[in-house]
Each structure stands twice: as C-alpha cells, then as structure tokens.
Protein backbone atom coordinates (compact mmCIF):
# COMPACT_ATOMS: atom_id res chain seq x y z
CA VAL A 1 75.12 35.34 122.44
CA GLN A 2 74.00 37.63 125.30
CA LEU A 3 73.24 41.47 124.58
CA GLN A 4 73.21 43.99 127.19
CA ALA A 5 71.95 47.72 126.43
CA SER A 6 72.51 50.60 127.97
CA GLY A 7 72.60 54.46 128.01
CA GLY A 8 68.43 55.35 127.89
CA GLY A 9 67.13 57.97 130.00
CA LEU A 10 65.06 61.16 129.84
CA VAL A 11 66.06 63.76 127.73
CA GLN A 12 64.62 67.11 126.11
CA THR A 13 63.71 67.72 122.72
CA GLY A 14 66.71 68.79 120.81
CA GLY A 15 69.07 66.78 123.41
CA SER A 16 71.31 63.89 122.84
CA LEU A 17 72.04 60.35 124.27
CA ARG A 18 74.43 57.69 123.57
CA LEU A 19 73.25 54.25 123.90
CA SER A 20 75.54 51.03 123.86
CA CYS A 21 75.37 47.33 123.72
CA ALA A 22 77.74 45.01 124.70
CA ALA A 23 77.92 41.63 123.02
CA SER A 24 79.22 38.63 125.17
CA GLY A 25 79.41 34.88 124.50
CA THR A 26 79.93 34.37 120.79
CA LYS A 27 80.78 37.04 118.33
CA CYS A 28 78.65 38.77 116.28
CA LEU A 29 80.49 38.75 113.24
CA SER A 30 77.86 39.94 110.81
CA ALA A 31 75.26 42.43 111.46
CA MET A 32 74.46 44.40 114.40
CA GLY A 33 72.15 47.25 114.90
CA TRP A 34 69.35 48.89 116.77
CA SER A 35 65.48 48.78 116.29
CA ARG A 36 62.81 50.56 118.56
CA GLN A 37 59.50 50.25 119.79
CA ALA A 38 57.25 53.28 120.54
CA PRO A 39 54.19 52.80 122.77
CA GLY A 40 51.16 51.22 120.87
CA LYS A 41 53.42 50.62 117.99
CA GLN A 42 55.39 47.91 116.07
CA ARG A 43 59.13 47.21 116.23
CA GLU A 44 60.87 49.57 113.57
CA PRO A 45 64.49 49.28 112.32
CA VAL A 46 66.54 52.06 113.26
CA ALA A 47 70.14 51.45 112.24
CA THR A 48 72.53 48.52 111.29
CA ILE A 49 76.19 48.29 110.95
CA LEU A 50 77.82 45.47 109.00
CA SER A 51 81.09 43.92 109.88
CA SER A 52 82.45 46.11 107.03
CA GLY A 53 81.54 49.23 108.81
CA ASN A 54 78.74 49.70 105.86
CA THR A 55 75.66 51.34 108.04
CA ASN A 56 72.10 51.77 107.07
CA TYR A 57 69.57 54.19 108.80
CA ALA A 58 66.07 54.62 109.01
CA ASP A 59 64.65 58.07 107.05
CA SER A 60 63.50 59.17 110.36
CA VAL A 61 66.97 59.21 111.89
CA LYS A 62 69.21 59.98 109.12
CA GLY A 63 71.67 62.88 109.66
CA ARG A 64 70.63 62.81 113.50
CA PHE A 65 71.69 59.09 114.50
CA THR A 66 75.05 57.67 114.26
CA ILE A 67 75.82 53.91 114.66
CA SER A 68 79.60 52.50 115.04
CA ARG A 69 81.03 49.42 116.48
CA ASP A 70 84.27 48.33 118.59
CA ASN A 71 85.13 44.84 117.02
CA ALA A 72 87.55 44.79 119.75
CA LYS A 73 85.09 45.20 122.75
CA MET A 74 82.02 43.46 120.51
CA THR A 75 80.16 46.78 121.39
CA ILE A 76 77.98 49.05 119.23
CA TYR A 77 76.84 52.52 119.96
CA LEU A 78 74.16 54.76 119.00
CA ASP A 79 74.61 58.25 119.25
CA MET A 80 71.57 60.22 118.79
CA ASN A 81 71.49 63.97 118.22
CA SER A 82 68.77 66.62 118.04
CA LEU A 83 66.15 63.96 119.63
CA LYS A 84 62.70 64.42 119.05
CA PRO A 85 59.33 63.46 121.16
CA GLU A 86 59.05 60.87 118.40
CA ASP A 87 62.05 59.06 119.01
CA THR A 88 60.70 58.12 122.41
CA ALA A 89 60.83 54.22 122.68
CA VAL A 90 62.35 51.48 123.72
CA TYR A 91 65.35 50.70 122.02
CA TYR A 92 66.71 47.23 121.38
CA CYS A 93 69.91 46.17 119.89
CA TYR A 94 70.27 43.04 118.08
CA CYS A 95 72.97 40.49 116.45
CA ILE A 96 72.43 38.36 113.62
CA ARG A 97 74.76 35.36 113.58
CA GLY A 98 72.46 32.60 112.09
CA GLY A 99 69.32 33.54 113.72
CA THR A 100 68.85 37.21 115.30
CA TYR A 101 69.73 37.77 118.84
CA TRP A 102 67.89 40.60 121.02
CA GLY A 103 68.97 42.39 123.99
CA GLN A 104 66.68 43.41 126.72
CA GLY A 105 66.09 47.15 125.62
CA THR A 106 66.64 50.40 126.96
CA LEU A 107 64.10 53.11 127.53
CA VAL A 108 64.49 56.66 125.69
CA THR A 109 62.17 59.35 126.52
CA VAL A 110 62.23 62.61 124.95
CA SER A 111 60.13 65.26 126.66
CA SER A 112 58.54 68.24 124.47
C-alpha cells in the first residue's frame, strides 16, 4: 500500500484546511486515519474512519475536524476548521491492512 498525503500549508488561527490521502497498490479495506506529530512531541492519533463509515476523533479535535473517505477513489480527507496554533504538526495518514502503512506526512502550520 502506498499513501500520498497532501493539502498541508500555512493558515492563520481560526482558518481551515483540507488534507487528502490517496491510497494506491492495494485497497485499505479496514481502517484509515490521520495522526500528527508536533515538534518535540510524540505522534498522536487524530481521527480514524472504518470501512463502515464509523469515525473516532481525539478529544482535542472533536467538533472541529471531520474525517471522510471516498472508497471508489481510495482516498480519505480531513477537513480541519477553527484551527489553533496547537494544531501545528506534521500530519500523517495511515492504512491498517494486516499491518499499518504510513504516508509521508504533510506539514500544517497555524500562525497566531
């Protein structure tokens, strides 16, 4: 499975961004999601979406972020609204298929 993440960038506090992650090679039939790693911190989960469409979110992003998937395109999205400086991080998408496969990461910077 190859994962290509895109959509990161620089945004002001309160702004919005949409991240995309396209999977290729083999279908991610089970869970896909996003994690993030801020400078000097450990990677943390952000949002997960199952093949059923069920979703889970970290408490820190609930109500602000929305994860969705397009199974036909093998792509997941992360719509991020009301961004805060503490959301600044490299965002990684992943796919669970037997093991866990990771994309290359896309940087999100939220200026105050």
